[in-house]
């Protein structure tokens, strides 16, 4: 099954660590940045974890450069147009990067499924 852009929860897990859960849009974006398919269930083999970490870090840097708000942008003090502070994709990716790093050290695969 392919993950749609609806409000689903995606559970990432590895035998090396505790699972984490993310909502659909962020999860989809991060899975794509890993270079993987958004099919569920899905997985990255243990041998492919180092390359997935590198791809995700590079993609997050490129994303940050593309979505950077110009210094002279007219935004409220909290940085968001609707009054709520935004949680950046890099911040949302931090738990997944941690899971990937621990899975890499333990030589364990990363798996995901709709939760």
Protein backbone atom coordinates (compact mmCIF):
# COMPACT_ATOMS: atom_id res chain seq x y z
CA UNK A 1 0.00 0.00 0.00
CA UNK A 2 1.27 3.48 -0.86
CA UNK A 3 1.10 6.11 1.89
CA UNK A 4 -1.27 8.87 0.81
CA UNK A 5 -1.01 12.50 1.86
CA UNK A 6 -3.78 12.11 4.38
CA UNK A 7 -3.42 12.39 8.13
CA UNK A 8 -1.99 8.95 8.78
CA UNK A 9 0.61 7.99 11.30
CA UNK A 10 3.74 6.16 10.19
CA UNK A 11 5.62 4.05 12.72
CA UNK A 12 9.38 3.71 12.17
CA UNK A 13 11.10 0.88 13.98
CA UNK A 14 14.33 -1.05 14.28
CA UNK A 15 15.39 -3.90 16.51
CA UNK A 16 18.17 -1.57 17.68
CA UNK A 17 15.94 1.07 19.28
CA UNK A 18 12.49 2.17 20.33
CA UNK A 19 9.95 2.97 17.59
CA UNK A 20 8.93 6.50 16.66
CA UNK A 21 5.69 7.68 15.09
CA UNK A 22 5.23 10.60 12.68
CA UNK A 23 2.25 12.04 10.87
CA UNK A 24 1.86 11.35 7.17
CA UNK A 25 3.11 14.48 5.39
CA UNK A 26 6.37 14.71 7.32
CA UNK A 27 6.86 10.94 7.23
CA UNK A 28 6.30 10.82 3.47
CA UNK A 29 8.75 13.63 2.86
CA UNK A 30 11.43 12.01 5.04
CA UNK A 31 10.96 8.56 3.49
CA UNK A 32 11.41 10.11 0.05
CA UNK A 33 14.51 11.96 1.27
CA UNK A 34 15.92 8.61 2.40
CA UNK A 35 15.66 7.53 -1.24
CA UNK A 36 13.00 4.94 -0.46
CA UNK A 37 9.53 4.18 -1.75
CA UNK A 38 6.52 5.36 0.25
CA UNK A 39 5.02 1.89 0.07
CA UNK A 40 4.00 0.36 3.37
CA UNK A 41 5.23 -1.62 4.94
CA UNK A 42 8.69 -0.54 3.85
CA UNK A 43 12.26 -1.05 4.95
CA UNK A 44 15.89 -0.12 4.46
CA UNK A 45 18.36 -2.96 4.78
CA UNK A 46 21.03 -2.69 7.44
CA UNK A 47 23.75 -2.44 4.79
CA UNK A 48 21.99 0.55 3.20
CA UNK A 49 21.58 2.57 6.43
CA UNK A 50 24.81 4.65 6.06
CA UNK A 51 23.84 5.76 2.54
CA UNK A 52 20.28 6.52 3.71
CA UNK A 53 21.62 8.73 6.52
CA UNK A 54 23.85 10.58 4.06
CA UNK A 55 20.97 11.05 1.57
CA UNK A 56 18.64 12.31 4.31
CA UNK A 57 21.19 14.82 5.64
CA UNK A 58 21.93 16.12 2.14
CA UNK A 59 18.24 16.38 1.31
CA UNK A 60 17.53 18.24 4.56
CA UNK A 61 20.30 20.73 3.77
CA UNK A 62 18.91 21.28 0.26
CA UNK A 63 15.38 21.64 1.65
CA UNK A 64 16.56 24.20 4.22
CA UNK A 65 18.28 26.22 1.49
CA UNK A 66 15.13 26.15 -0.70
CA UNK A 67 12.74 27.11 2.08
CA UNK A 68 14.85 29.69 3.89
CA UNK A 69 12.90 32.81 4.77
CA UNK A 70 14.66 35.98 3.63
CA UNK A 71 15.93 38.15 6.48
CA UNK A 72 13.75 41.05 5.34
CA UNK A 73 10.53 38.99 5.23
CA UNK A 74 7.60 40.61 7.02
CA UNK A 75 6.72 37.92 9.56
CA UNK A 76 5.39 38.14 13.12
CA UNK A 77 7.98 37.85 15.88
CA UNK A 78 7.43 34.10 16.28
CA UNK A 79 8.30 33.57 12.61
CA UNK A 80 4.94 32.18 11.47
CA UNK A 81 2.19 33.85 9.50
CA UNK A 82 -0.70 32.24 11.42
CA UNK A 83 0.67 32.95 14.88
CA UNK A 84 1.81 29.39 15.64
CA UNK A 85 5.54 28.66 15.67
CA UNK A 86 6.53 26.22 12.96
CA UNK A 87 8.44 23.04 13.60
CA UNK A 88 10.99 22.71 10.83
CA UNK A 89 11.49 19.51 8.88
CA UNK A 90 15.04 19.15 10.22
CA UNK A 91 13.65 19.20 13.76
CA UNK A 92 11.03 16.61 12.82
CA UNK A 93 13.78 14.49 11.21
CA UNK A 94 16.01 14.44 14.31
CA UNK A 95 14.34 11.40 15.96
CA UNK A 96 14.47 9.49 12.67
CA UNK A 97 18.15 10.34 12.21
CA UNK A 98 18.83 9.13 15.74
CA UNK A 99 16.97 5.89 15.04
CA UNK A 100 18.92 5.43 11.80
CA UNK A 101 22.27 6.06 13.49
CA UNK A 102 21.54 3.53 16.25
CA UNK A 103 20.27 1.01 13.68
CA UNK A 104 23.47 1.52 11.67
CA UNK A 105 25.69 0.89 14.70
CA UNK A 106 23.71 -2.27 15.53
CA UNK A 107 23.64 -3.37 11.86
CA UNK A 108 19.85 -3.58 12.02
CA UNK A 109 17.33 -2.62 9.30
CA UNK A 110 14.87 0.27 9.52
CA UNK A 111 11.22 -0.56 8.91
CA UNK A 112 8.06 1.53 8.65
CA UNK A 113 4.35 0.86 8.54
CA UNK A 114 1.10 2.75 8.84
CA UNK A 115 0.31 2.93 12.55
